[in-house]
């Protein structure tokens, strides 16, 4: 049973009384609604009013939008909700995760490359301060996955890297920072992504470590964050066969389920073995990784029956509500399990003092106050600090750096950028920005354009080798949902922009997102990872290339991708 006086809730008697009285006063429809956390992409007042008054969800996640829209969204929801709502956001990089005007400290991998735990604390602090300013009280972060597999399409720059100890330390610091602002952390994605090379959006993925290996790595990170007081855990659509078999020796392979549906992993491993007493939320229920193992009608209530306390998003809101209601009616979700889940939801709200804030009116954010917190100079200074400490010189050809207009009069610039996508997309126009920065320093820069020669193939080699003093590649490709591979796709004809002039013209390759591009350009002699493409990173990058600042970053992952030729 949930101990409301213990970690992470620490409720007083008056708080417990509110939880118990609220639960006792709920209708059957309200109980179903409280199990759901919906999502909003804008401040559509009619839709938000319908959410609050008809569906009565326990929470809602805000996607990034202007601060005014954030404030409007939260105001509509909290004013019309009888029970105060949890308002969540993906606060992984800073306040920009919810408010477009927020600070972007940088990706978690960029923070990891500083090798400075204090920067991780500052990331959590900025996320908490700026999130709270627009009404957010729940951060779907930090990610404490471990980026063991460089082919993983999701983890990558969203993690604190591949060193379990650094992931553990920085995860704890983020939790401390964000929760000091009255915003609950959600450590994710239990039992841990980064082993597989598949995408939970498309298929159920696997953490294939033995129980002993898991305990020493992912388990250690979860234990540490739980000990630090993390209030919630987000469970992924990830199987952990070793623990499923250990906790249920009779289980058949076909019955091993992703954690979101697995009693062994959520109740047995997370709650009983790790002793987690807080709230458990599923990852997005629209992902195929949850839907493939069983029908949606069964899967929706099975998440709660397995031990999850909240259900994230819906595929079809009316259908999913009916599936949940039917699961309660038919006993898939027992009355005891239902009440336990609802108690956890209400306890989190009480621990965040949402019931008191609702009563005194402080639960409603004010735009003028928010704008005094978003992107303040202290936060921007921390972003500059993160950029300065993180940019990593992975490989260096002697005598190429630093670059100056006197040394390299004419530069050929290759801009390789992916198209914008639905989520976790790249920043558009980074190549244009950086080219202008180079030109502002006095470099003459030509943008590479594939050209055909007289034979219908490529222009003469000497057109490049005899014309340019330096070649710079800026690669802006990022892992994103529903894309299972992030590799460089070269231009036609016949890979026209492949770096084939390296032996004749000094060449620098810069990746501003994915740290693993040496797989496709192994013989490049000078290679830099920035891990993110915000203004602070681009400015620090230029300072370091020109020798006005030293490279300070450490490799938080293996950028050589376990290949011998990438080190040449």
Foldseek 3Di string as FASTA:
>chain_A
DFDLCDFPQNDDPVLLVCLVVVLVPDDLQLLLQQQAEAEDAWQPLVVLLCSQAPNNHQHYEYAEDALVRLLNSQVSNQVRHPAGHAYEFALQQALSRHHVLFDGLAALCLLLQLVDLVLLLLSLQRRQLLCVQSQHQEHADDELAAQAALLALPPFRNASYHDQVSSLSSRLSSQVNNVVSLHAYAYDAPPHDNPFLDFQLEAQAEDADAPVVSCVGSVSSLLSNSVSRRAEYEYELYFHVNQLCVQPVPDDPLRGGGLLLALSRQVVPVCPVSVRSAAYEYPAPNGVSQPVSDHLLVSLCSSLLSPHLHYYHDPDVVVSSVSNSVCDVVCSQPPVSSSSSSSNSSSSCVSSVVVVCSVVVVSRHDSVSSVVSGPDVVSVVSSLVSLLSAKAWPFADPPQPQDACVQWQEEEEEEAADDADDPPGADPPLSVVLVVVVVVRPHHYDYDDFDADPVRAGHDPCVPLVPTQEYEYEHTWHRDPPDSGTAGDADDDVRRPQPPCVVRHPYEYEYAAGLAHCVVVLQRRIYMYSNHRDPSNSVSVNCCSNPVGDHNTDNSYPNQSPDPSSRD
